[in-house]
Amino acid sequence: QLQLVESGGGLVQPGGSLRLSCRASGFAVERYGIGWFRQAPGKDREGVSCMSTGDGRIAYADSVKGRFTISRDNAENMVYLQMNSLKPEDTAVYYCAADENYWCSPYRGSRSWDGMDYWGKGTLVTVSA
């Protein structure tokens, strides 16, 4: 059974850092495209970052470019999202998702990469002083 479980969320002050983890089971992450998404209170879910199958082509939302980094550890079957210089507007539940043989398009707005097949249940990130 394919499963994604996020962890690493919590409370952090503005300007701080967090690393989110996504543990995959039932499939090999190297064969899947992986995405990170978030949903803030009262807002729609939005794409944050995406890593393609194979060549690992990466894309980021404009709002996080230069601050967030997506990575993948094939040996551990893990995916990460390193988040630096966090802002209060980054507060949201963060989800990882996966889709087999997925190529990440360039970012084209908040609905980017939204059609992935498999989703975790999310981890809450709160950025507040």
Foldseek 3Di string as FASTA:
>chain_A
DWAKAKDWADEAAQQAKTKMKIAIPPDFCLQKKKWKWWDDPPGDIFTAKIFFHDVRDIEGDPVQPPFWDWDADRVRSMIMIIGGRDDQVVWTWMKMAIAGRDDFDYDDDRCGPVPGDGIHPTDTHGYHD
